């Protein structure tokens, strides 16, 4: 099954973790890795977890390679794999998938050919604070037959969805309590190895 037929479903904690990471660094581009598996029916990529990566120098390949090796080693033991990439642009009015996230997305496709790239939609994030919208505040990009990244429009077939309908409600609760201060990414871990990039206590 090609990427044109796959749906992508994201677990609440993975979703919230990535949004909080972007809120912690509002003036920087940030990125993260999507963790999951293909469903037994082979028609859904189930995004079960996410790892916040960097908030500075996100295009440095050596750091990326080290983090991907560590992430793959840890999650493969749990029967999970790297299944995609997340990116939030530096400027809140920038809603395009640029060269750096495309290149990193291409790199992720070596691990998982059906990988998705999710781009934070800053306009939806701002609107969420005023509305009760239950749809994801991320845009789905997949690679076409020519290996070019293309935006999947939100239409009737809804290729990207949140597993839990309450995800945005919980997210808003975490935003109001400034939970983003507790997020640890790989940058933080490389600066201080006592900081755990798995964020084990984040949702306790």
C-alpha atoms as a PDB file:
ATOM      1  CA  UNK A   1       0.000   0.000   0.000  1.00  0.00           C
ATOM      2  CA  UNK A   2       1.413   3.399  -0.971  1.00  0.00           C
ATOM      3  CA  UNK A   3       1.265   6.603   0.987  1.00  0.00           C
ATOM      4  CA  UNK A   4      -1.646   7.764  -1.184  1.00  0.00           C
ATOM      5  CA  UNK A   5      -3.882   5.180   0.525  1.00  0.00           C
ATOM      6  CA  UNK A   6      -2.632   5.345   4.094  1.00  0.00           C
ATOM      7  CA  UNK A   7      -4.307   7.185   6.920  1.00  0.00           C
ATOM      8  CA  UNK A   8      -2.372   8.602   9.858  1.00  0.00           C
ATOM      9  CA  UNK A   9      -3.794   8.513  13.393  1.00  0.00           C
ATOM     10  CA  UNK A  10      -2.041  10.270  16.258  1.00  0.00           C
ATOM     11  CA  UNK A  11      -2.281   9.456  19.945  1.00  0.00           C
ATOM     12  CA  UNK A  12      -3.124  12.297  22.304  1.00  0.00           C
ATOM     13  CA  UNK A  13       0.125  12.277  24.309  1.00  0.00           C
ATOM     14  CA  UNK A  14       2.309  12.328  21.181  1.00  0.00           C
ATOM     15  CA  UNK A  15       0.320  15.253  19.807  1.00  0.00           C
ATOM     16  CA  UNK A  16       0.387  17.275  23.021  1.00  0.00           C
ATOM     17  CA  UNK A  17       4.105  16.664  23.566  1.00  0.00           C
ATOM     18  CA  UNK A  18       5.005  18.166  20.180  1.00  0.00           C
ATOM     19  CA  UNK A  19       2.741  21.203  20.541  1.00  0.00           C
ATOM     20  CA  UNK A  20       4.110  21.919  24.021  1.00  0.00           C
ATOM     21  CA  UNK A  21       7.652  21.667  22.632  1.00  0.00           C
ATOM     22  CA  UNK A  22       6.875  24.362  20.069  1.00  0.00           C
ATOM     23  CA  UNK A  23       5.256  26.573  22.738  1.00  0.00           C
ATOM     24  CA  UNK A  24       8.352  26.302  24.930  1.00  0.00           C
ATOM     25  CA  UNK A  25      10.452  27.810  22.116  1.00  0.00           C
ATOM     26  CA  UNK A  26       8.059  30.277  20.434  1.00  0.00           C
ATOM     27  CA  UNK A  27      10.784  32.212  18.577  1.00  0.00           C
ATOM     28  CA  UNK A  28      12.654  29.153  17.284  1.00  0.00           C
ATOM     29  CA  UNK A  29      12.012  26.468  14.729  1.00  0.00           C
ATOM     30  CA  UNK A  30      11.582  23.144  16.541  1.00  0.00           C
ATOM     31  CA  UNK A  31      11.260  19.567  15.378  1.00  0.00           C
ATOM     32  CA  UNK A  32      10.472  16.086  16.571  1.00  0.00           C
ATOM     33  CA  UNK A  33      10.242  12.440  15.599  1.00  0.00           C
ATOM     34  CA  UNK A  34       7.013  10.461  15.281  1.00  0.00           C
ATOM     35  CA  UNK A  35       7.004   6.941  16.740  1.00  0.00           C
ATOM     36  CA  UNK A  36       4.540   4.180  15.898  1.00  0.00           C
ATOM     37  CA  UNK A  37       3.619   1.256  13.694  1.00  0.00           C
ATOM     38  CA  UNK A  38       1.436   0.267  10.776  1.00  0.00           C
ATOM     39  CA  UNK A  39      -1.909  -1.164  11.877  1.00  0.00           C
ATOM     40  CA  UNK A  40      -2.543  -4.916  11.483  1.00  0.00           C
ATOM     41  CA  UNK A  41      -4.859  -4.079   8.574  1.00  0.00           C
ATOM     42  CA  UNK A  42      -1.992  -2.194   6.857  1.00  0.00           C
ATOM     43  CA  UNK A  43      -4.106   0.900   6.172  1.00  0.00           C
ATOM     44  CA  UNK A  44      -3.274   3.176   9.126  1.00  0.00           C
ATOM     45  CA  UNK A  45       0.020   4.509  10.464  1.00  0.00           C
ATOM     46  CA  UNK A  46      -0.585   4.620  14.205  1.00  0.00           C
ATOM     47  CA  UNK A  47       1.519   7.414  15.754  1.00  0.00           C
ATOM     48  CA  UNK A  48       1.802   6.239  19.346  1.00  0.00           C
ATOM     49  CA  UNK A  49       4.509   8.522  20.711  1.00  0.00           C
ATOM     50  CA  UNK A  50       6.787  11.409  19.786  1.00  0.00           C
ATOM     51  CA  UNK A  51      10.252  12.614  20.719  1.00  0.00           C
ATOM     52  CA  UNK A  52      11.015  16.360  20.793  1.00  0.00           C
ATOM     53  CA  UNK A  53      14.342  16.833  19.003  1.00  0.00           C
ATOM     54  CA  UNK A  54      15.884  20.287  18.688  1.00  0.00           C
ATOM     55  CA  UNK A  55      15.195  23.982  19.132  1.00  0.00           C
ATOM     56  CA  UNK A  56      18.529  25.262  17.801  1.00  0.00           C
ATOM     57  CA  UNK A  57      20.613  24.326  14.758  1.00  0.00           C
ATOM     58  CA  UNK A  58      17.950  21.871  13.657  1.00  0.00           C
ATOM     59  CA  UNK A  59      19.640  21.265  10.303  1.00  0.00           C
ATOM     60  CA  UNK A  60      22.854  19.785  11.775  1.00  0.00           C
ATOM     61  CA  UNK A  61      23.064  16.249  10.396  1.00  0.00           C
ATOM     62  CA  UNK A  62      25.499  14.716  12.963  1.00  0.00           C
ATOM     63  CA  UNK A  63      23.170  15.598  15.861  1.00  0.00           C
ATOM     64  CA  UNK A  64      20.209  14.280  13.907  1.00  0.00           C
ATOM     65  CA  UNK A  65      21.959  10.979  13.164  1.00  0.00           C
ATOM     66  CA  UNK A  66      22.918  10.448  16.795  1.00  0.00           C
ATOM     67  CA  UNK A  67      19.388  11.142  17.998  1.00  0.00           C
ATOM     68  CA  UNK A  68      17.801   8.880  15.367  1.00  0.00           C
ATOM     69  CA  UNK A  69      20.073   5.980  16.321  1.00  0.00           C
ATOM     70  CA  UNK A  70      19.225   6.349  20.017  1.00  0.00           C
ATOM     71  CA  UNK A  71      15.502   6.731  19.306  1.00  0.00           C
ATOM     72  CA  UNK A  72      15.400   3.731  16.959  1.00  0.00           C
ATOM     73  CA  UNK A  73      17.302   1.544  19.423  1.00  0.00           C
ATOM     74  CA  UNK A  74      15.014   2.418  22.319  1.00  0.00           C
ATOM     75  CA  UNK A  75      11.659   2.082  20.573  1.00  0.00           C
ATOM     76  CA  UNK A  76      12.442  -0.939  18.380  1.00  0.00           C
ATOM     77  CA  UNK A  77      12.796  -2.945  21.601  1.00  0.00           C
ATOM     78  CA  UNK A  78       9.167  -1.989  22.291  1.00  0.00           C
ATOM     79  CA  UNK A  79       7.954  -3.022  18.843  1.00  0.00           C
ATOM     80  CA  UNK A  80       7.738   0.578  17.611  1.00  0.00           C
ATOM     81  CA  UNK A  81       9.566   2.422  14.861  1.00  0.00           C
ATOM     82  CA  UNK A  82      10.278   5.885  13.545  1.00  0.00           C
ATOM     83  CA  UNK A  83       7.287   6.661  11.291  1.00  0.00           C
ATOM     84  CA  UNK A  84       7.569  10.378  10.586  1.00  0.00           C
ATOM     85  CA  UNK A  85       8.784  13.867  11.319  1.00  0.00           C
ATOM     86  CA  UNK A  86       7.294  16.961  12.973  1.00  0.00           C
ATOM     87  CA  UNK A  87       8.278  20.568  12.294  1.00  0.00           C
ATOM     88  CA  UNK A  88       7.234  23.968  13.621  1.00  0.00           C
ATOM     89  CA  UNK A  89       8.478  27.028  11.761  1.00  0.00           C
ATOM     90  CA  UNK A  90      10.358  29.852  13.443  1.00  0.00           C
ATOM     91  CA  UNK A  91       7.881  32.537  12.363  1.00  0.00           C
ATOM     92  CA  UNK A  92       4.246  32.182  13.355  1.00  0.00           C
ATOM     93  CA  UNK A  93       3.112  33.534   9.974  1.00  0.00           C
ATOM     94  CA  UNK A  94       5.170  30.969   8.028  1.00  0.00           C
ATOM     95  CA  UNK A  95       2.898  28.110   6.998  1.00  0.00           C
ATOM     96  CA  UNK A  96       5.106  26.511   4.333  1.00  0.00           C
ATOM     97  CA  UNK A  97       7.168  23.333   4.520  1.00  0.00           C
ATOM     98  CA  UNK A  98      10.680  24.590   3.805  1.00  0.00           C
ATOM     99  CA  UNK A  99      13.867  22.955   2.566  1.00  0.00           C
ATOM    100  CA  UNK A 100      15.203  21.830   5.947  1.00  0.00           C
ATOM    101  CA  UNK A 101      12.081  19.884   7.030  1.00  0.00           C
ATOM    102  CA  UNK A 102      11.792  18.379   3.537  1.00  0.00           C
ATOM    103  CA  UNK A 103      15.390  17.167   3.700  1.00  0.00           C
ATOM    104  CA  UNK A 104      14.942  15.714   7.180  1.00  0.00           C
ATOM    105  CA  UNK A 105      11.666  14.127   6.062  1.00  0.00           C
ATOM    106  CA  UNK A 106      13.515  12.521   3.151  1.00  0.00           C
ATOM    107  CA  UNK A 107      16.057  11.197   5.627  1.00  0.00           C
ATOM    108  CA  UNK A 108      13.283   9.707   7.786  1.00  0.00           C
ATOM    109  CA  UNK A 109      11.892   7.948   4.705  1.00  0.00           C
ATOM    110  CA  UNK A 110      15.037   5.812   4.674  1.00  0.00           C
ATOM    111  CA  UNK A 111      13.817   4.354   7.946  1.00  0.00           C
ATOM    112  CA  UNK A 112      10.152   4.195   6.951  1.00  0.00           C
ATOM    113  CA  UNK A 113       9.187   4.790   3.285  1.00  0.00           C
ATOM    114  CA  UNK A 114       5.577   5.738   4.177  1.00  0.00           C
ATOM    115  CA  UNK A 115       6.735   8.406   6.643  1.00  0.00           C
ATOM    116  CA  UNK A 116       4.630  11.509   7.111  1.00  0.00           C
ATOM    117  CA  UNK A 117       5.788  15.018   7.900  1.00  0.00           C
ATOM    118  CA  UNK A 118       3.535  17.057  10.179  1.00  0.00           C
ATOM    119  CA  UNK A 119       3.773  20.851  10.154  1.00  0.00           C
ATOM    120  CA  UNK A 120       2.352  22.881  13.028  1.00  0.00           C
ATOM    121  CA  UNK A 121      -0.392  25.215  11.832  1.00  0.00           C
ATOM    122  CA  UNK A 122       0.206  28.343  13.915  1.00  0.00           C
ATOM    123  CA  UNK A 123      -3.040  29.968  12.795  1.00  0.00           C
ATOM    124  CA  UNK A 124      -5.024  26.985  14.043  1.00  0.00           C
ATOM    125  CA  UNK A 125      -3.035  27.021  17.275  1.00  0.00           C
ATOM    126  CA  UNK A 126      -3.979  30.649  17.899  1.00  0.00           C
ATOM    127  CA  UNK A 127      -7.595  30.010  16.931  1.00  0.00           C
ATOM    128  CA  UNK A 128      -7.759  26.981  19.226  1.00  0.00           C
ATOM    129  CA  UNK A 129      -7.446  29.210  22.268  1.00  0.00           C
ATOM    130  CA  UNK A 130     -10.695  30.913  21.269  1.00  0.00           C
ATOM    131  CA  UNK A 131     -12.619  27.959  19.851  1.00  0.00           C
ATOM    132  CA  UNK A 132     -13.512  24.400  20.735  1.00  0.00           C
ATOM    133  CA  UNK A 133     -12.245  22.854  17.500  1.00  0.00           C
ATOM    134  CA  UNK A 134     -11.444  19.159  17.866  1.00  0.00           C
ATOM    135  CA  UNK A 135      -9.375  18.762  14.691  1.00  0.00           C
ATOM    136  CA  UNK A 136      -5.580  18.544  14.743  1.00  0.00           C
ATOM    137  CA  UNK A 137      -3.659  21.811  14.528  1.00  0.00           C
ATOM    138  CA  UNK A 138      -1.104  20.203  12.219  1.00  0.00           C
ATOM    139  CA  UNK A 139      -0.883  19.812   8.458  1.00  0.00           C
ATOM    140  CA  UNK A 140      -0.106  16.425   6.915  1.00  0.00           C
ATOM    141  CA  UNK A 141       2.525  16.137   4.180  1.00  0.00           C
ATOM    142  CA  UNK A 142       3.357  12.903   2.363  1.00  0.00           C
ATOM    143  CA  UNK A 143       5.710  12.097  -0.496  1.00  0.00           C
ATOM    144  CA  UNK A 144       4.166  11.513  -3.914  1.00  0.00           C
ATOM    145  CA  UNK A 145       5.356   9.078  -6.599  1.00  0.00           C
ATOM    146  CA  UNK A 146       8.063  11.570  -7.607  1.00  0.00           C
ATOM    147  CA  UNK A 147       9.275  11.741  -3.985  1.00  0.00           C
ATOM    148  CA  UNK A 148       8.140  15.340  -3.626  1.00  0.00           C
ATOM    149  CA  UNK A 149       6.429  16.403  -0.414  1.00  0.00           C
ATOM    150  CA  UNK A 150       2.843  17.516  -0.914  1.00  0.00           C
ATOM    151  CA  UNK A 151       0.218  18.847   1.453  1.00  0.00           C
ATOM    152  CA  UNK A 152      -2.735  16.522   1.964  1.00  0.00           C
ATOM    153  CA  UNK A 153      -5.818  18.715   1.943  1.00  0.00           C
ATOM    154  CA  UNK A 154      -8.391  18.179   4.649  1.00  0.00           C
ATOM    155  CA  UNK A 155     -11.370  16.781   2.829  1.00  0.00           C
ATOM    156  CA  UNK A 156     -13.994  14.117   3.311  1.00  0.00           C
ATOM    157  CA  UNK A 157     -11.578  11.209   3.683  1.00  0.00           C
ATOM    158  CA  UNK A 158      -9.639  12.882   6.550  1.00  0.00           C
ATOM    159  CA  UNK A 159      -6.265  11.182   6.096  1.00  0.00           C
ATOM    160  CA  UNK A 160      -4.924  12.596   9.380  1.00  0.00           C
ATOM    161  CA  UNK A 161      -6.817  12.412  12.648  1.00  0.00           C
ATOM    162  CA  UNK A 162      -6.383  12.401  16.404  1.00  0.00           C
ATOM    163  CA  UNK A 163      -7.037   9.094  18.151  1.00  0.00           C
ATOM    164  CA  UNK A 164      -8.763  10.767  21.104  1.00  0.00           C
ATOM    165  CA  UNK A 165     -11.468  13.334  20.393  1.00  0.00           C
ATOM    166  CA  UNK A 166     -10.602  15.152  23.627  1.00  0.00           C
ATOM    167  CA  UNK A 167      -6.963  15.858  22.667  1.00  0.00           C
ATOM    168  CA  UNK A 168      -7.426  19.606  22.149  1.00  0.00           C
ATOM    169  CA  UNK A 169      -9.359  19.975  25.393  1.00  0.00           C
ATOM    170  CA  UNK A 170      -6.501  18.345  27.297  1.00  0.00           C
ATOM    171  CA  UNK A 171      -3.964  20.395  25.322  1.00  0.00           C
ATOM    172  CA  UNK A 172      -5.672  23.651  26.295  1.00  0.00           C
ATOM    173  CA  UNK A 173      -5.607  22.581  29.935  1.00  0.00           C
ATOM    174  CA  UNK A 174      -1.853  21.973  29.703  1.00  0.00           C
ATOM    175  CA  UNK A 175      -1.354  25.315  27.943  1.00  0.00           C
ATOM    176  CA  UNK A 176      -3.223  27.162  30.689  1.00  0.00           C
ATOM    177  CA  UNK A 177      -0.950  25.566  33.308  1.00  0.00           C
ATOM    178  CA  UNK A 178       2.192  26.313  31.211  1.00  0.00           C
ATOM    179  CA  UNK A 179       3.069  22.627  31.073  1.00  0.00           C
ATOM    180  CA  UNK A 180       5.522  23.347  28.252  1.00  0.00           C
ATOM    181  CA  UNK A 181       8.115  24.314  30.880  1.00  0.00           C
ATOM    182  CA  UNK A 182       8.498  20.607  31.711  1.00  0.00           C
ATOM    183  CA  UNK A 183       9.356  19.493  28.159  1.00  0.00           C
ATOM    184  CA  UNK A 184      12.859  18.103  27.552  1.00  0.00           C
ATOM    185  CA  UNK A 185      14.223  17.760  24.027  1.00  0.00           C
ATOM    186  CA  UNK A 186      17.468  16.327  22.636  1.00  0.00           C
ATOM    187  CA  UNK A 187      19.123  19.756  22.775  1.00  0.00           C
ATOM    188  CA  UNK A 188      18.439  19.839  26.514  1.00  0.00           C
ATOM    189  CA  UNK A 189      19.715  16.272  26.927  1.00  0.00           C
ATOM    190  CA  UNK A 190      22.949  16.976  25.025  1.00  0.00           C
ATOM    191  CA  UNK A 191      23.554  19.987  27.285  1.00  0.00           C
ATOM    192  CA  UNK A 192      22.761  18.035  30.452  1.00  0.00           C
ATOM    193  CA  UNK A 193      22.532  14.246  30.158  1.00  0.00           C
ATOM    194  CA  UNK A 194      20.573  14.047  33.423  1.00  0.00           C
ATOM    195  CA  UNK A 195      17.612  15.482  31.495  1.00  0.00           C
ATOM    196  CA  UNK A 196      15.578  12.634  30.008  1.00  0.00           C
ATOM    197  CA  UNK A 197      14.517  13.098  26.349  1.00  0.00           C
ATOM    198  CA  UNK A 198      11.797  10.478  26.875  1.00  0.00           C
ATOM    199  CA  UNK A 199       9.908  12.891  29.189  1.00  0.00           C
ATOM    200  CA  UNK A 200       8.713  10.010  31.398  1.00  0.00           C
ATOM    201  CA  UNK A 201       6.977  12.177  34.012  1.00  0.00           C
ATOM    202  CA  UNK A 202       5.354  14.698  31.693  1.00  0.00           C
ATOM    203  CA  UNK A 203       1.800  13.349  31.952  1.00  0.00           C
ATOM    204  CA  UNK A 204       1.891  12.194  35.555  1.00  0.00           C
END
